[in-house]
Amino acid sequence: MPGLIRGVARTAVVAGTATAVSNRVSRRQAGRWADKDQQQYEEQMAQQQQYAPPPPPPPAYAPPPPPPAPAATDMNDKIAQLQQLGQLHEQGILTDEEFYAQKTKILGS
């Protein structure tokens, strides 16, 4: 029996050593692959950032239209034109038909 136990013990030692070496090699390779994968990932991210298009500019809106001219100024212009028209009519420069036509034109606009 001592030979059998010695053979089993030797097999156990060899198997245990082989397992330990195998595990260490596997861990070391996994570490290397992880480092390599990390480097590739970082390179890809750097390239993407380098070649990424710039963000689009903010939308450009048309400037708002200018505010309408005050109605009082427009009305003052019409009153001044009507006064001139009335003076021309009183002086006899305009006939009644011309006066009324111009008056209608000024008030209609």
PDB file of N, CA and C in Angstrom:
ATOM      1  N   MET A   1       0.767  -1.178   0.000  1.00  0.00           N
ATOM      2  CA  MET A   1       0.000   0.000   0.000  1.00  0.00           C
ATOM      3  C   MET A   1       0.823   1.265   0.000  1.00  0.00           C
ATOM      4  N   PRO A   2       2.027   1.175   0.609  1.00  0.00           N
ATOM      5  CA  PRO A   2       2.814   2.392   0.597  1.00  0.00           C
ATOM      6  C   PRO A   2       3.105   2.847  -0.833  1.00  0.00           C
ATOM      7  N   GLY A   3       3.248   1.994  -1.753  1.00  0.00           N
ATOM      8  CA  GLY A   3       3.512   2.401  -3.125  1.00  0.00           C
ATOM      9  C   GLY A   3       2.308   3.072  -3.745  1.00  0.00           C
ATOM     10  N   LEU A   4       1.153   2.608  -3.369  1.00  0.00           N
ATOM     11  CA  LEU A   4      -0.077   3.191  -3.886  1.00  0.00           C
ATOM     12  C   LEU A   4      -0.279   4.587  -3.334  1.00  0.00           C
ATOM     13  N   ILE A   5      -0.025   4.748  -2.064  1.00  0.00           N
ATOM     14  CA  ILE A   5      -0.192   6.059  -1.436  1.00  0.00           C
ATOM     15  C   ILE A   5       0.843   7.022  -2.000  1.00  0.00           C
ATOM     16  N   ARG A   6       2.066   6.529  -2.204  1.00  0.00           N
ATOM     17  CA  ARG A   6       3.101   7.381  -2.760  1.00  0.00           C
ATOM     18  C   ARG A   6       2.704   7.828  -4.171  1.00  0.00           C
ATOM     19  N   GLY A   7       2.161   6.962  -4.976  1.00  0.00           N
ATOM     20  CA  GLY A   7       1.742   7.287  -6.340  1.00  0.00           C
ATOM     21  C   GLY A   7       0.599   8.297  -6.344  1.00  0.00           C
ATOM     22  N   VAL A   8      -0.338   8.091  -5.423  1.00  0.00           N
ATOM     23  CA  VAL A   8      -1.475   9.016  -5.326  1.00  0.00           C
ATOM     24  C   VAL A   8      -0.981  10.371  -4.849  1.00  0.00           C
ATOM     25  N   ALA A   9      -0.077  10.388  -3.892  1.00  0.00           N
ATOM     26  CA  ALA A   9       0.456  11.642  -3.372  1.00  0.00           C
ATOM     27  C   ALA A   9       1.222  12.384  -4.449  1.00  0.00           C
ATOM     28  N   ARG A  10       2.025  11.656  -5.203  1.00  0.00           N
ATOM     29  CA  ARG A  10       2.790  12.265  -6.275  1.00  0.00           C
ATOM     30  C   ARG A  10       1.838  12.853  -7.320  1.00  0.00           C
ATOM     31  N   THR A  11       0.803  12.143  -7.662  1.00  0.00           N
ATOM     32  CA  THR A  11      -0.179  12.618  -8.635  1.00  0.00           C
ATOM     33  C   THR A  11      -0.863  13.875  -8.103  1.00  0.00           C
ATOM     34  N   ALA A  12      -1.192  13.892  -6.830  1.00  0.00           N
ATOM     35  CA  ALA A  12      -1.851  15.058  -6.233  1.00  0.00           C
ATOM     36  C   ALA A  12      -0.935  16.275  -6.279  1.00  0.00           C
ATOM     37  N   VAL A  13       0.337  16.062  -5.965  1.00  0.00           N
ATOM     38  CA  VAL A  13       1.295  17.180  -5.986  1.00  0.00           C
ATOM     39  C   VAL A  13       1.446  17.705  -7.399  1.00  0.00           C
ATOM     40  N   VAL A  14       1.596  16.821  -8.362  1.00  0.00           N
ATOM     41  CA  VAL A  14       1.757  17.239  -9.753  1.00  0.00           C
ATOM     42  C   VAL A  14       0.502  17.951 -10.227  1.00  0.00           C
ATOM     43  N   ALA A  15      -0.656  17.390  -9.916  1.00  0.00           N
ATOM     44  CA  ALA A  15      -1.910  18.009 -10.337  1.00  0.00           C
ATOM     45  C   ALA A  15      -2.090  19.367  -9.665  1.00  0.00           C
ATOM     46  N   GLY A  16      -1.783  19.482  -8.395  1.00  0.00           N
ATOM     47  CA  GLY A  16      -1.912  20.753  -7.683  1.00  0.00           C
ATOM     48  C   GLY A  16      -0.973  21.804  -8.234  1.00  0.00           C
ATOM     49  N   THR A  17       0.260  21.397  -8.529  1.00  0.00           N
ATOM     50  CA  THR A  17       1.238  22.327  -9.098  1.00  0.00           C
ATOM     51  C   THR A  17       0.780  22.780 -10.477  1.00  0.00           C
ATOM     52  N   ALA A  18       0.307  21.842 -11.268  1.00  0.00           N
ATOM     53  CA  ALA A  18      -0.155  22.173 -12.615  1.00  0.00           C
ATOM     54  C   ALA A  18      -1.342  23.129 -12.546  1.00  0.00           C
ATOM     55  N   THR A  19      -2.241  22.899 -11.615  1.00  0.00           N
ATOM     56  CA  THR A  19      -3.400  23.778 -11.470  1.00  0.00           C
ATOM     57  C   THR A  19      -2.974  25.174 -11.046  1.00  0.00           C
ATOM     58  N   ALA A  20      -2.041  25.235 -10.104  1.00  0.00           N
ATOM     59  CA  ALA A  20      -1.573  26.547  -9.641  1.00  0.00           C
ATOM     60  C   ALA A  20      -0.893  27.311 -10.766  1.00  0.00           C
ATOM     61  N   VAL A  21      -0.055  26.633 -11.527  1.00  0.00           N
ATOM     62  CA  VAL A  21       0.639  27.287 -12.642  1.00  0.00           C
ATOM     63  C   VAL A  21      -0.363  27.713 -13.699  1.00  0.00           C
ATOM     64  N   SER A  22      -1.309  26.835 -14.002  1.00  0.00           N
ATOM     65  CA  SER A  22      -2.317  27.137 -15.011  1.00  0.00           C
ATOM     66  C   SER A  22      -3.138  28.357 -14.596  1.00  0.00           C
ATOM     67  N   ASN A  23      -3.536  28.409 -13.332  1.00  0.00           N
ATOM     68  CA  ASN A  23      -4.322  29.551 -12.852  1.00  0.00           C
ATOM     69  C   ASN A  23      -3.515  30.849 -12.925  1.00  0.00           C
ATOM     70  N   ARG A  24      -2.261  30.777 -12.570  1.00  0.00           N
ATOM     71  CA  ARG A  24      -1.422  31.978 -12.607  1.00  0.00           C
ATOM     72  C   ARG A  24      -1.261  32.463 -14.040  1.00  0.00           C
ATOM     73  N   VAL A  25      -1.042  31.543 -14.978  1.00  0.00           N
ATOM     74  CA  VAL A  25      -0.910  31.913 -16.388  1.00  0.00           C
ATOM     75  C   VAL A  25      -2.213  32.521 -16.892  1.00  0.00           C
ATOM     76  N   SER A  26      -3.322  31.938 -16.529  1.00  0.00           N
ATOM     77  CA  SER A  26      -4.629  32.450 -16.963  1.00  0.00           C
ATOM     78  C   SER A  26      -4.866  33.864 -16.437  1.00  0.00           C
ATOM     79  N   ARG A  27      -4.554  34.081 -15.151  1.00  0.00           N
ATOM     80  CA  ARG A  27      -4.740  35.415 -14.574  1.00  0.00           C
ATOM     81  C   ARG A  27      -3.835  36.445 -15.246  1.00  0.00           C
ATOM     82  N   ARG A  28      -2.602  36.055 -15.509  1.00  0.00           N
ATOM     83  CA  ARG A  28      -1.662  36.979 -16.136  1.00  0.00           C
ATOM     84  C   ARG A  28      -2.128  37.322 -17.553  1.00  0.00           C
ATOM     85  N   GLN A  29      -2.597  36.326 -18.316  1.00  0.00           N
ATOM     86  CA  GLN A  29      -3.088  36.592 -19.667  1.00  0.00           C
ATOM     87  C   GLN A  29      -4.343  37.462 -19.634  1.00  0.00           C
ATOM     88  N   ALA A  30      -5.221  37.178 -18.694  1.00  0.00           N
ATOM     89  CA  ALA A  30      -6.446  37.974 -18.580  1.00  0.00           C
ATOM     90  C   ALA A  30      -6.097  39.428 -18.244  1.00  0.00           C
ATOM     91  N   GLY A  31      -5.117  39.611 -17.389  1.00  0.00           N
ATOM     92  CA  GLY A  31      -4.671  40.968 -17.058  1.00  0.00           C
ATOM     93  C   GLY A  31      -4.099  41.689 -18.262  1.00  0.00           C
ATOM     94  N   ARG A  32      -3.298  40.967 -19.047  1.00  0.00           N
ATOM     95  CA  ARG A  32      -2.721  41.572 -20.246  1.00  0.00           C
ATOM     96  C   ARG A  32      -3.824  41.943 -21.244  1.00  0.00           C
ATOM     97  N   TRP A  33      -4.769  41.049 -21.428  1.00  0.00           N
ATOM     98  CA  TRP A  33      -5.858  41.316 -22.366  1.00  0.00           C
ATOM     99  C   TRP A  33      -6.706  42.493 -21.881  1.00  0.00           C
ATOM    100  N   ALA A  34      -6.930  42.554 -20.597  1.00  0.00           N
ATOM    101  CA  ALA A  34      -7.701  43.668 -20.054  1.00  0.00           C
ATOM    102  C   ALA A  34      -6.963  44.988 -20.278  1.00  0.00           C
ATOM    103  N   ASP A  35      -5.643  44.989 -20.057  1.00  0.00           N
ATOM    104  CA  ASP A  35      -4.852  46.194 -20.302  1.00  0.00           C
ATOM    105  C   ASP A  35      -4.900  46.582 -21.776  1.00  0.00           C
ATOM    106  N   LYS A  36      -4.777  45.575 -22.639  1.00  0.00           N
ATOM    107  CA  LYS A  36      -4.805  45.827 -24.079  1.00  0.00           C
ATOM    108  C   LYS A  36      -6.174  46.362 -24.498  1.00  0.00           C
ATOM    109  N   ASP A  37      -7.233  45.757 -23.976  1.00  0.00           N
ATOM    110  CA  ASP A  37      -8.579  46.223 -24.287  1.00  0.00           C
ATOM    111  C   ASP A  37      -8.787  47.659 -23.804  1.00  0.00           C
ATOM    112  N   GLN A  38      -8.276  47.961 -22.623  1.00  0.00           N
ATOM    113  CA  GLN A  38      -8.408  49.310 -22.072  1.00  0.00           C
ATOM    114  C   GLN A  38      -7.678  50.325 -22.940  1.00  0.00           C
ATOM    115  N   GLN A  39      -6.486  49.957 -23.406  1.00  0.00           N
ATOM    116  CA  GLN A  39      -5.720  50.857 -24.276  1.00  0.00           C
ATOM    117  C   GLN A  39      -6.458  51.089 -25.592  1.00  0.00           C
ATOM    118  N   GLN A  40      -7.003  50.014 -26.175  1.00  0.00           N
ATOM    119  CA  GLN A  40      -7.743  50.157 -27.422  1.00  0.00           C
ATOM    120  C   GLN A  40      -8.972  51.039 -27.229  1.00  0.00           C
ATOM    121  N   TYR A  41      -9.642  50.845 -26.105  1.00  0.00           N
ATOM    122  CA  TYR A  41     -10.828  51.645 -25.820  1.00  0.00           C
ATOM    123  C   TYR A  41     -10.462  53.125 -25.705  1.00  0.00           C
ATOM    124  N   GLU A  42      -9.388  53.411 -24.988  1.00  0.00           N
ATOM    125  CA  GLU A  42      -8.955  54.798 -24.819  1.00  0.00           C
ATOM    126  C   GLU A  42      -8.540  55.417 -26.153  1.00  0.00           C
ATOM    127  N   GLU A  43      -7.873  54.639 -27.016  1.00  0.00           N
ATOM    128  CA  GLU A  43      -7.481  55.142 -28.327  1.00  0.00           C
ATOM    129  C   GLU A  43      -8.708  55.444 -29.183  1.00  0.00           C
ATOM    130  N   GLN A  44      -9.682  54.545 -29.133  1.00  0.00           N
ATOM    131  CA  GLN A  44     -10.903  54.767 -29.907  1.00  0.00           C
ATOM    132  C   GLN A  44     -11.637  56.015 -29.431  1.00  0.00           C
ATOM    133  N   MET A  45     -11.713  56.199 -28.135  1.00  0.00           N
ATOM    134  CA  MET A  45     -12.401  57.375 -27.601  1.00  0.00           C
ATOM    135  C   MET A  45     -11.655  58.654 -27.995  1.00  0.00           C
ATOM    136  N   ALA A  46     -10.337  58.603 -27.982  1.00  0.00           N
ATOM    137  CA  ALA A  46      -9.545  59.773 -28.374  1.00  0.00           C
ATOM    138  C   ALA A  46      -9.783  60.091 -29.850  1.00  0.00           C
ATOM    139  N   GLN A  47      -9.832  59.070 -30.688  1.00  0.00           N
ATOM    140  CA  GLN A  47     -10.078  59.292 -32.110  1.00  0.00           C
ATOM    141  C   GLN A  47     -11.477  59.846 -32.344  1.00  0.00           C
ATOM    142  N   GLN A  48     -12.456  59.326 -31.623  1.00  0.00           N
ATOM    143  CA  GLN A  48     -13.819  59.813 -31.793  1.00  0.00           C
ATOM    144  C   GLN A  48     -13.920  61.276 -31.380  1.00  0.00           C
ATOM    145  N   GLN A  49     -13.245  61.630 -30.309  1.00  0.00           N
ATOM    146  CA  GLN A  49     -13.289  63.018 -29.876  1.00  0.00           C
ATOM    147  C   GLN A  49     -12.540  63.917 -30.848  1.00  0.00           C
ATOM    148  N   GLN A  50     -11.489  63.381 -31.431  1.00  0.00           N
ATOM    149  CA  GLN A  50     -10.694  64.170 -32.370  1.00  0.00           C
ATOM    150  C   GLN A  50     -11.471  64.421 -33.652  1.00  0.00           C
ATOM    151  N   TYR A  51     -12.192  63.418 -34.142  1.00  0.00           N
ATOM    152  CA  TYR A  51     -12.892  63.530 -35.412  1.00  0.00           C
ATOM    153  C   TYR A  51     -14.368  63.850 -35.263  1.00  0.00           C
ATOM    154  N   ALA A  52     -14.823  64.075 -34.071  1.00  0.00           N
ATOM    155  CA  ALA A  52     -16.237  64.392 -33.860  1.00  0.00           C
ATOM    156  C   ALA A  52     -16.533  65.761 -34.466  1.00  0.00           C
ATOM    157  N   PRO A  53     -17.648  65.875 -35.176  1.00  0.00           N
ATOM    158  CA  PRO A  53     -17.979  67.182 -35.750  1.00  0.00           C
ATOM    159  C   PRO A  53     -18.315  68.164 -34.624  1.00  0.00           C
ATOM    160  N   PRO A  54     -18.068  69.433 -34.861  1.00  0.00           N
ATOM    161  CA  PRO A  54     -18.373  70.416 -33.822  1.00  0.00           C
ATOM    162  C   PRO A  54     -19.887  70.472 -33.606  1.00  0.00           C
ATOM    163  N   PRO A  55     -20.313  70.870 -32.450  1.00  0.00           N
ATOM    164  CA  PRO A  55     -21.753  70.935 -32.203  1.00  0.00           C
ATOM    165  C   PRO A  55     -22.390  71.973 -33.128  1.00  0.00           C
ATOM    166  N   PRO A  56     -23.621  71.751 -33.511  1.00  0.00           N
ATOM    167  CA  PRO A  56     -24.265  72.702 -34.429  1.00  0.00           C
ATOM    168  C   PRO A  56     -24.435  74.060 -33.751  1.00  0.00           C
ATOM    169  N   PRO A  57     -24.347  75.134 -34.542  1.00  0.00           N
ATOM    170  CA  PRO A  57     -24.522  76.460 -33.951  1.00  0.00           C
ATOM    171  C   PRO A  57     -25.969  76.637 -33.494  1.00  0.00           C
ATOM    172  N   PRO A  58     -26.182  77.516 -32.561  1.00  0.00           N
ATOM    173  CA  PRO A  58     -27.557  77.736 -32.118  1.00  0.00           C
ATOM    174  C   PRO A  58     -28.385  78.287 -33.277  1.00  0.00           C
ATOM    175  N   PRO A  59     -29.672  78.019 -33.298  1.00  0.00           N
ATOM    176  CA  PRO A  59     -30.496  78.486 -34.421  1.00  0.00           C
ATOM    177  C   PRO A  59     -30.505  80.013 -34.479  1.00  0.00           C
ATOM    178  N   ALA A  60     -30.399  80.511 -35.687  1.00  0.00           N
ATOM    179  CA  ALA A  60     -30.404  81.957 -35.886  1.00  0.00           C
ATOM    180  C   ALA A  60     -31.831  82.394 -36.195  1.00  0.00           C
ATOM    181  N   TYR A  61     -32.301  83.323 -35.435  1.00  0.00           N
ATOM    182  CA  TYR A  61     -33.644  83.834 -35.637  1.00  0.00           C
ATOM    183  C   TYR A  61     -33.564  85.186 -36.337  1.00  0.00           C
ATOM    184  N   ALA A  62     -34.549  85.470 -37.156  1.00  0.00           N
ATOM    185  CA  ALA A  62     -34.596  86.753 -37.830  1.00  0.00           C
ATOM    186  C   ALA A  62     -34.842  87.839 -36.787  1.00  0.00           C
ATOM    187  N   PRO A  63     -34.227  88.995 -36.983  1.00  0.00           N
ATOM    188  CA  PRO A  63     -34.473  90.068 -36.018  1.00  0.00           C
ATOM    189  C   PRO A  63     -35.943  90.476 -36.070  1.00  0.00           C
ATOM    190  N   PRO A  64     -36.472  90.935 -34.974  1.00  0.00           N
ATOM    191  CA  PRO A  64     -37.887  91.318 -34.973  1.00  0.00           C
ATOM    192  C   PRO A  64     -38.112  92.515 -35.889  1.00  0.00           C
ATOM    193  N   PRO A  65     -39.275  92.599 -36.489  1.00  0.00           N
ATOM    194  CA  PRO A  65     -39.536  93.730 -37.385  1.00  0.00           C
ATOM    195  C   PRO A  65     -39.572  95.025 -36.577  1.00  0.00           C
ATOM    196  N   PRO A  66     -39.220  96.125 -37.218  1.00  0.00           N
ATOM    197  CA  PRO A  66     -39.244  97.384 -36.488  1.00  0.00           C
ATOM    198  C   PRO A  66     -40.677  97.709 -36.078  1.00  0.00           C
ATOM    199  N   PRO A  67     -40.839  98.415 -34.987  1.00  0.00           N
ATOM    200  CA  PRO A  67     -42.191  98.749 -34.548  1.00  0.00           C
ATOM    201  C   PRO A  67     -42.856  99.673 -35.559  1.00  0.00           C
ATOM    202  N   PRO A  68     -44.150  99.551 -35.699  1.00  0.00           N
ATOM    203  CA  PRO A  68     -44.839 100.418 -36.670  1.00  0.00           C
ATOM    204  C   PRO A  68     -44.729 101.882 -36.246  1.00  0.00           C
ATOM    205  N   ALA A  69     -44.720 102.731 -37.256  1.00  0.00           N
ATOM    206  CA  ALA A  69     -44.626 104.162 -36.978  1.00  0.00           C
ATOM    207  C   ALA A  69     -45.867 104.602 -36.209  1.00  0.00           C
ATOM    208  N   PRO A  70     -45.712 105.505 -35.316  1.00  0.00           N
ATOM    209  CA  PRO A  70     -46.869 105.964 -34.553  1.00  0.00           C
ATOM    210  C   PRO A  70     -47.927 106.551 -35.479  1.00  0.00           C
ATOM    211  N   ALA A  71     -49.173 106.268 -35.181  1.00  0.00           N
ATOM    212  CA  ALA A  71     -50.283 106.738 -36.016  1.00  0.00           C
ATOM    213  C   ALA A  71     -50.412 108.250 -35.955  1.00  0.00           C
ATOM    214  N   ALA A  72     -50.010 108.849 -34.861  1.00  0.00           N
ATOM    215  CA  ALA A  72     -50.140 110.295 -34.720  1.00  0.00           C
ATOM    216  C   ALA A  72     -49.296 111.019 -35.762  1.00  0.00           C
ATOM    217  N   THR A  73     -48.090 110.521 -36.024  1.00  0.00           N
ATOM    218  CA  THR A  73     -47.223 111.153 -37.020  1.00  0.00           C
ATOM    219  C   THR A  73     -47.856 111.046 -38.393  1.00  0.00           C
ATOM    220  N   ASP A  74     -48.413 109.893 -38.707  1.00  0.00           N
ATOM    221  CA  ASP A  74     -49.066 109.690 -39.998  1.00  0.00           C
ATOM    222  C   ASP A  74     -50.261 110.632 -40.126  1.00  0.00           C
ATOM    223  N   MET A  75     -51.008 110.749 -39.068  1.00  0.00           N
ATOM    224  CA  MET A  75     -52.183 111.622 -39.093  1.00  0.00           C
ATOM    225  C   MET A  75     -51.749 113.080 -39.211  1.00  0.00           C
ATOM    226  N   ASN A  76     -50.649 113.444 -38.546  1.00  0.00           N
ATOM    227  CA  ASN A  76     -50.151 114.823 -38.657  1.00  0.00           C
ATOM    228  C   ASN A  76     -49.733 115.135 -40.082  1.00  0.00           C
ATOM    229  N   ASP A  77     -49.111 114.155 -40.764  1.00  0.00           N
ATOM    230  CA  ASP A  77     -48.720 114.351 -42.164  1.00  0.00           C
ATOM    231  C   ASP A  77     -49.949 114.572 -43.042  1.00  0.00           C
ATOM    232  N   LYS A  78     -50.989 113.803 -42.799  1.00  0.00           N
ATOM    233  CA  LYS A  78     -52.222 113.943 -43.602  1.00  0.00           C
ATOM    234  C   LYS A  78     -52.869 115.305 -43.370  1.00  0.00           C
ATOM    235  N   ILE A  79     -52.860 115.734 -42.109  1.00  0.00           N
ATOM    236  CA  ILE A  79     -53.457 117.036 -41.806  1.00  0.00           C
ATOM    237  C   ILE A  79     -52.666 118.149 -42.495  1.00  0.00           C
ATOM    238  N   ALA A  80     -51.343 118.052 -42.479  1.00  0.00           N
ATOM    239  CA  ALA A  80     -50.519 119.062 -43.140  1.00  0.00           C
ATOM    240  C   ALA A  80     -50.780 119.072 -44.645  1.00  0.00           C
ATOM    241  N   GLN A  81     -50.916 117.895 -45.245  1.00  0.00           N
ATOM    242  CA  GLN A  81     -51.186 117.821 -46.686  1.00  0.00           C
ATOM    243  C   GLN A  81     -52.558 118.416 -47.007  1.00  0.00           C
ATOM    244  N   LEU A  82     -53.545 118.129 -46.151  1.00  0.00           N
ATOM    245  CA  LEU A  82     -54.886 118.674 -46.381  1.00  0.00           C
ATOM    246  C   LEU A  82     -54.887 120.199 -46.240  1.00  0.00           C
ATOM    247  N   GLN A  83     -54.111 120.736 -45.303  1.00  0.00           N
ATOM    248  CA  GLN A  83     -54.028 122.193 -45.145  1.00  0.00           C
ATOM    249  C   GLN A  83     -53.407 122.832 -46.382  1.00  0.00           C
ATOM    250  N   GLN A  84     -52.341 122.208 -46.898  1.00  0.00           N
ATOM    251  CA  GLN A  84     -51.715 122.732 -48.117  1.00  0.00           C
ATOM    252  C   GLN A  84     -52.691 122.656 -49.287  1.00  0.00           C
ATOM    253  N   LEU A  85     -53.406 121.527 -49.342  1.00  0.00           N
ATOM    254  CA  LEU A  85     -54.385 121.333 -50.410  1.00  0.00           C
ATOM    255  C   LEU A  85     -55.485 122.396 -50.310  1.00  0.00           C
ATOM    256  N   GLY A  86     -55.925 122.663 -49.072  1.00  0.00           N
ATOM    257  CA  GLY A  86     -56.957 123.695 -48.883  1.00  0.00           C
ATOM    258  C   GLY A  86     -56.461 125.074 -49.288  1.00  0.00           C
ATOM    259  N   GLN A  87     -55.219 125.406 -48.983  1.00  0.00           N
ATOM    260  CA  GLN A  87     -54.652 126.691 -49.370  1.00  0.00           C
ATOM    261  C   GLN A  87     -54.568 126.813 -50.883  1.00  0.00           C
ATOM    262  N   LEU A  88     -54.140 125.738 -51.535  1.00  0.00           N
ATOM    263  CA  LEU A  88     -54.076 125.755 -53.002  1.00  0.00           C
ATOM    264  C   LEU A  88     -55.465 125.922 -53.606  1.00  0.00           C
ATOM    265  N   HIS A  89     -56.466 125.334 -53.001  1.00  0.00           N
ATOM    266  CA  HIS A  89     -57.847 125.445 -53.489  1.00  0.00           C
ATOM    267  C   HIS A  89     -58.356 126.868 -53.279  1.00  0.00           C
ATOM    268  N   GLU A  90     -58.057 127.476 -52.121  1.00  0.00           N
ATOM    269  CA  GLU A  90     -58.499 128.843 -51.837  1.00  0.00           C
ATOM    270  C   GLU A  90     -57.822 129.836 -52.769  1.00  0.00           C
ATOM    271  N   GLN A  91     -56.589 129.563 -53.137  1.00  0.00           N
ATOM    272  CA  GLN A  91     -55.854 130.468 -54.028  1.00  0.00           C
ATOM    273  C   GLN A  91     -56.312 130.325 -55.465  1.00  0.00           C
ATOM    274  N   GLY A  92     -57.117 129.297 -55.732  1.00  0.00           N
ATOM    275  CA  GLY A  92     -57.628 129.102 -57.078  1.00  0.00           C
ATOM    276  C   GLY A  92     -56.703 128.285 -57.955  1.00  0.00           C
ATOM    277  N   ILE A  93     -55.666 127.736 -57.388  1.00  0.00           N
ATOM    278  CA  ILE A  93     -54.730 126.941 -58.168  1.00  0.00           C
ATOM    279  C   ILE A  93     -55.365 125.592 -58.512  1.00  0.00           C
ATOM    280  N   LEU A  94     -56.171 125.036 -57.598  1.00  0.00           N
ATOM    281  CA  LEU A  94     -56.849 123.757 -57.828  1.00  0.00           C
ATOM    282  C   LEU A  94     -58.324 123.998 -58.062  1.00  0.00           C
ATOM    283  N   THR A  95     -58.894 123.257 -58.997  1.00  0.00           N
ATOM    284  CA  THR A  95     -60.335 123.305 -59.217  1.00  0.00           C
ATOM    285  C   THR A  95     -61.010 122.460 -58.144  1.00  0.00           C
ATOM    286  N   ASP A  96     -62.350 122.591 -58.083  1.00  0.00           N
ATOM    287  CA  ASP A  96     -63.092 121.801 -57.088  1.00  0.00           C
ATOM    288  C   ASP A  96     -62.883 120.305 -57.309  1.00  0.00           C
ATOM    289  N   GLU A  97     -62.886 119.851 -58.563  1.00  0.00           N
ATOM    290  CA  GLU A  97     -62.712 118.430 -58.865  1.00  0.00           C
ATOM    291  C   GLU A  97     -61.319 117.945 -58.440  1.00  0.00           C
ATOM    292  N   GLU A  98     -60.290 118.752 -58.745  1.00  0.00           N
ATOM    293  CA  GLU A  98     -58.922 118.377 -58.364  1.00  0.00           C
ATOM    294  C   GLU A  98     -58.772 118.322 -56.838  1.00  0.00           C
ATOM    295  N   PHE A  99     -59.380 119.343 -56.172  1.00  0.00           N
ATOM    296  CA  PHE A  99     -59.291 119.387 -54.713  1.00  0.00           C
ATOM    297  C   PHE A  99     -59.916 118.133 -54.098  1.00  0.00           C
ATOM    298  N   TYR A 100     -61.158 117.796 -54.531  1.00  0.00           N
ATOM    299  CA  TYR A 100     -61.836 116.632 -53.949  1.00  0.00           C
ATOM    300  C   TYR A 100     -61.124 115.318 -54.308  1.00  0.00           C
ATOM    301  N   ALA A 101     -60.550 115.248 -55.489  1.00  0.00           N
ATOM    302  CA  ALA A 101     -59.820 114.028 -55.880  1.00  0.00           C
ATOM    303  C   ALA A 101     -58.581 113.838 -54.996  1.00  0.00           C
ATOM    304  N   GLN A 102     -57.828 114.933 -54.799  1.00  0.00           N
ATOM    305  CA  GLN A 102     -56.630 114.851 -53.966  1.00  0.00           C
ATOM    306  C   GLN A 102     -56.990 114.589 -52.495  1.00  0.00           C
ATOM    307  N   LYS A 103     -58.065 115.228 -52.056  1.00  0.00           N
ATOM    308  CA  LYS A 103     -58.521 115.021 -50.671  1.00  0.00           C
ATOM    309  C   LYS A 103     -58.888 113.571 -50.440  1.00  0.00           C
ATOM    310  N   THR A 104     -59.614 112.963 -51.382  1.00  0.00           N
ATOM    311  CA  THR A 104     -59.996 111.550 -51.285  1.00  0.00           C
ATOM    312  C   THR A 104     -58.756 110.667 -51.302  1.00  0.00           C
ATOM    313  N   LYS A 105     -57.780 111.031 -52.141  1.00  0.00           N
ATOM    314  CA  LYS A 105     -56.550 110.246 -52.232  1.00  0.00           C
ATOM    315  C   LYS A 105     -55.781 110.290 -50.899  1.00  0.00           C
ATOM    316  N   ILE A 106     -55.683 111.476 -50.304  1.00  0.00           N
ATOM    317  CA  ILE A 106     -54.941 111.610 -49.040  1.00  0.00           C
ATOM    318  C   ILE A 106     -55.653 110.872 -47.905  1.00  0.00           C
ATOM    319  N   LEU A 107     -56.937 111.014 -47.813  1.00  0.00           N
ATOM    320  CA  LEU A 107     -57.692 110.374 -46.736  1.00  0.00           C
ATOM    321  C   LEU A 107     -57.833 108.857 -46.939  1.00  0.00           C
ATOM    322  N   GLY A 108     -57.764 108.423 -48.168  1.00  0.00           N
ATOM    323  CA  GLY A 108     -57.881 106.985 -48.450  1.00  0.00           C
ATOM    324  C   GLY A 108     -56.607 106.219 -48.171  1.00  0.00           C
ATOM    325  N   SER A 109     -55.479 106.883 -48.163  1.00  0.00           N
ATOM    326  CA  SER A 109     -54.210 106.169 -47.949  1.00  0.00           C
ATOM    327  C   SER A 109     -53.876 106.009 -46.505  1.00  0.00           C
TER     328      SER A 109
END
